[in-house]
Amino acid sequence: MSKYTLKALRANADMKQTEVAEKLGISTTTWSKWENKKRFPTVDQVEKISKLFNVAYDDIIFLP
C-alpha cells in the first residue's frame, strides 16, 4: 500500500495547483497551504481529494 502527500498526488496527475483547486471548489491559496502543511483539509475535503485522485482516504499523508 502506497502513501501519498498532496503534492505527490498532484504531480503524479500532472496537474497545476490552480486545476486541482478549481476541481475541488477551493482557492489556489487554500490548496497551497494544504500542500505546505500550513493548514489541513476537513474530512469532507479529504474525501473529495481521494475521489479526485482515485486513492484511498487512508493513503493520503498530512504529516511532515
N, C-alpha and C. Protein backbone atom coordinates (compact mmCIF):
# COMPACT_ATOMS: atom_id res chain seq x y z
N MET A 1 0.84 -1.18 0.00
CA MET A 1 0.00 0.00 0.00
C MET A 1 0.89 1.24 0.00
N SER A 2 0.67 2.13 -0.93
CA SER A 2 1.44 3.36 -1.03
C SER A 2 0.76 4.48 -0.26
N LYS A 3 1.58 5.42 0.19
CA LYS A 3 1.08 6.61 0.87
C LYS A 3 1.52 7.81 0.03
N TYR A 4 0.67 8.83 -0.04
CA TYR A 4 0.94 9.97 -0.90
C TYR A 4 0.73 11.29 -0.17
N THR A 5 1.61 12.25 -0.43
CA THR A 5 1.37 13.61 0.02
C THR A 5 0.48 14.28 -1.02
N LEU A 6 -0.11 15.40 -0.66
CA LEU A 6 -0.95 16.12 -1.62
C LEU A 6 -0.13 16.58 -2.82
N LYS A 7 1.08 17.01 -2.57
CA LYS A 7 1.94 17.46 -3.67
C LYS A 7 2.25 16.31 -4.62
N ALA A 8 2.51 15.13 -4.08
CA ALA A 8 2.81 13.96 -4.91
C ALA A 8 1.58 13.55 -5.72
N LEU A 9 0.42 13.60 -5.11
CA LEU A 9 -0.81 13.26 -5.84
C LEU A 9 -1.00 14.20 -7.03
N ARG A 10 -0.82 15.48 -6.78
CA ARG A 10 -0.99 16.48 -7.84
C ARG A 10 0.04 16.29 -8.94
N ALA A 11 1.30 16.08 -8.55
CA ALA A 11 2.38 15.90 -9.53
C ALA A 11 2.16 14.64 -10.36
N ASN A 12 1.76 13.56 -9.71
CA ASN A 12 1.51 12.30 -10.43
C ASN A 12 0.37 12.44 -11.43
N ALA A 13 -0.58 13.32 -11.13
CA ALA A 13 -1.70 13.56 -12.03
C ALA A 13 -1.36 14.61 -13.08
N ASP A 14 -0.15 15.16 -13.00
CA ASP A 14 0.31 16.19 -13.93
C ASP A 14 -0.67 17.37 -13.96
N MET A 15 -1.04 17.81 -12.76
CA MET A 15 -1.97 18.93 -12.64
C MET A 15 -1.29 20.10 -11.95
N LYS A 16 -1.75 21.30 -12.26
CA LYS A 16 -1.29 22.51 -11.59
C LYS A 16 -2.17 22.75 -10.37
N GLN A 17 -1.64 23.52 -9.42
CA GLN A 17 -2.41 23.84 -8.22
C GLN A 17 -3.75 24.48 -8.58
N THR A 18 -3.74 25.34 -9.59
CA THR A 18 -4.98 26.01 -9.99
C THR A 18 -6.02 25.02 -10.49
N GLU A 19 -5.58 23.99 -11.20
CA GLU A 19 -6.51 22.97 -11.72
C GLU A 19 -7.14 22.17 -10.59
N VAL A 20 -6.31 21.77 -9.63
CA VAL A 20 -6.82 20.98 -8.50
C VAL A 20 -7.80 21.83 -7.69
N ALA A 21 -7.41 23.05 -7.40
CA ALA A 21 -8.27 23.94 -6.62
C ALA A 21 -9.62 24.13 -7.29
N GLU A 22 -9.60 24.34 -8.59
CA GLU A 22 -10.85 24.53 -9.33
C GLU A 22 -11.75 23.29 -9.24
N LYS A 23 -11.16 22.12 -9.40
CA LYS A 23 -11.94 20.87 -9.35
C LYS A 23 -12.52 20.61 -7.96
N LEU A 24 -11.81 21.10 -6.92
CA LEU A 24 -12.28 20.89 -5.55
C LEU A 24 -13.17 22.03 -5.05
N GLY A 25 -13.24 23.11 -5.82
CA GLY A 25 -14.06 24.26 -5.42
C GLY A 25 -13.45 25.07 -4.29
N ILE A 26 -12.11 25.14 -4.29
CA ILE A 26 -11.39 25.91 -3.27
C ILE A 26 -10.46 26.89 -3.97
N SER A 27 -9.84 27.78 -3.20
CA SER A 27 -8.89 28.72 -3.79
C SER A 27 -7.53 28.04 -3.96
N THR A 28 -6.75 28.59 -4.88
CA THR A 28 -5.39 28.08 -5.08
C THR A 28 -4.57 28.28 -3.81
N THR A 29 -4.82 29.37 -3.10
CA THR A 29 -4.11 29.64 -1.85
C THR A 29 -4.40 28.55 -0.82
N THR A 30 -5.64 28.14 -0.73
CA THR A 30 -6.01 27.07 0.21
C THR A 30 -5.28 25.79 -0.14
N TRP A 31 -5.28 25.40 -1.41
CA TRP A 31 -4.58 24.18 -1.82
C TRP A 31 -3.09 24.28 -1.49
N SER A 32 -2.50 25.42 -1.77
CA SER A 32 -1.07 25.62 -1.49
C SER A 32 -0.78 25.45 0.00
N LYS A 33 -1.64 26.00 0.84
CA LYS A 33 -1.45 25.86 2.29
C LYS A 33 -1.57 24.40 2.72
N TRP A 34 -2.48 23.67 2.09
CA TRP A 34 -2.59 22.24 2.40
C TRP A 34 -1.34 21.49 1.98
N GLU A 35 -0.84 21.78 0.78
CA GLU A 35 0.36 21.10 0.29
C GLU A 35 1.56 21.38 1.18
N ASN A 36 1.63 22.61 1.69
CA ASN A 36 2.77 23.02 2.51
C ASN A 36 2.54 22.80 4.00
N LYS A 37 1.45 22.12 4.32
CA LYS A 37 1.11 21.73 5.69
C LYS A 37 0.97 22.93 6.64
N LYS A 38 0.50 24.05 6.09
CA LYS A 38 0.23 25.23 6.92
C LYS A 38 -1.22 25.22 7.40
N ARG A 39 -2.06 24.48 6.69
CA ARG A 39 -3.46 24.26 7.05
C ARG A 39 -3.81 22.85 6.61
N PHE A 40 -4.94 22.35 7.09
CA PHE A 40 -5.33 20.99 6.75
C PHE A 40 -6.79 20.94 6.32
N PRO A 41 -7.10 20.09 5.35
CA PRO A 41 -8.47 19.97 4.87
C PRO A 41 -9.36 19.26 5.89
N THR A 42 -10.65 19.49 5.75
CA THR A 42 -11.63 18.79 6.60
C THR A 42 -11.79 17.36 6.09
N VAL A 43 -12.49 16.55 6.85
CA VAL A 43 -12.75 15.17 6.45
C VAL A 43 -13.48 15.14 5.11
N ASP A 44 -14.48 15.99 4.95
CA ASP A 44 -15.22 16.04 3.68
C ASP A 44 -14.31 16.41 2.52
N GLN A 45 -13.40 17.35 2.76
CA GLN A 45 -12.48 17.77 1.71
C GLN A 45 -11.50 16.65 1.35
N VAL A 46 -11.06 15.90 2.36
CA VAL A 46 -10.16 14.77 2.09
C VAL A 46 -10.87 13.72 1.25
N GLU A 47 -12.14 13.51 1.51
CA GLU A 47 -12.91 12.56 0.70
C GLU A 47 -12.97 13.01 -0.76
N LYS A 48 -13.14 14.31 -0.99
CA LYS A 48 -13.15 14.84 -2.35
C LYS A 48 -11.78 14.65 -3.02
N ILE A 49 -10.73 14.88 -2.24
CA ILE A 49 -9.36 14.70 -2.76
C ILE A 49 -9.14 13.24 -3.15
N SER A 50 -9.56 12.33 -2.28
CA SER A 50 -9.35 10.91 -2.57
C SER A 50 -10.09 10.48 -3.83
N LYS A 51 -11.28 11.02 -4.04
CA LYS A 51 -12.04 10.71 -5.25
C LYS A 51 -11.40 11.32 -6.48
N LEU A 52 -10.94 12.56 -6.36
CA LEU A 52 -10.31 13.24 -7.50
C LEU A 52 -9.09 12.47 -7.99
N PHE A 53 -8.27 12.00 -7.05
CA PHE A 53 -7.02 11.33 -7.42
C PHE A 53 -7.14 9.80 -7.41
N ASN A 54 -8.34 9.30 -7.11
CA ASN A 54 -8.59 7.86 -7.12
C ASN A 54 -7.64 7.08 -6.21
N VAL A 55 -7.52 7.57 -4.98
CA VAL A 55 -6.72 6.88 -3.96
C VAL A 55 -7.58 6.73 -2.71
N ALA A 56 -7.23 5.79 -1.88
CA ALA A 56 -7.96 5.59 -0.64
C ALA A 56 -7.69 6.74 0.32
N TYR A 57 -8.71 7.09 1.06
CA TYR A 57 -8.64 8.15 2.07
C TYR A 57 -7.42 7.94 2.98
N ASP A 58 -7.21 6.70 3.41
CA ASP A 58 -6.12 6.38 4.34
C ASP A 58 -4.73 6.44 3.71
N ASP A 59 -4.66 6.55 2.40
CA ASP A 59 -3.37 6.59 1.72
C ASP A 59 -2.83 8.00 1.53
N ILE A 60 -3.56 8.99 2.03
CA ILE A 60 -3.11 10.38 1.90
C ILE A 60 -2.41 10.78 3.19
N ILE A 61 -1.19 11.31 3.05
CA ILE A 61 -0.36 11.70 4.19
C ILE A 61 -0.48 13.21 4.41
N PHE A 62 -0.69 13.60 5.67
CA PHE A 62 -0.76 15.01 6.01
C PHE A 62 0.33 15.45 6.98
N LEU A 63 1.12 14.52 7.46
CA LEU A 63 2.19 14.85 8.40
C LEU A 63 3.47 15.14 7.63
N PRO A 64 4.32 16.01 8.20
CA PRO A 64 5.60 16.32 7.51
C PRO A 64 6.52 15.14 7.41
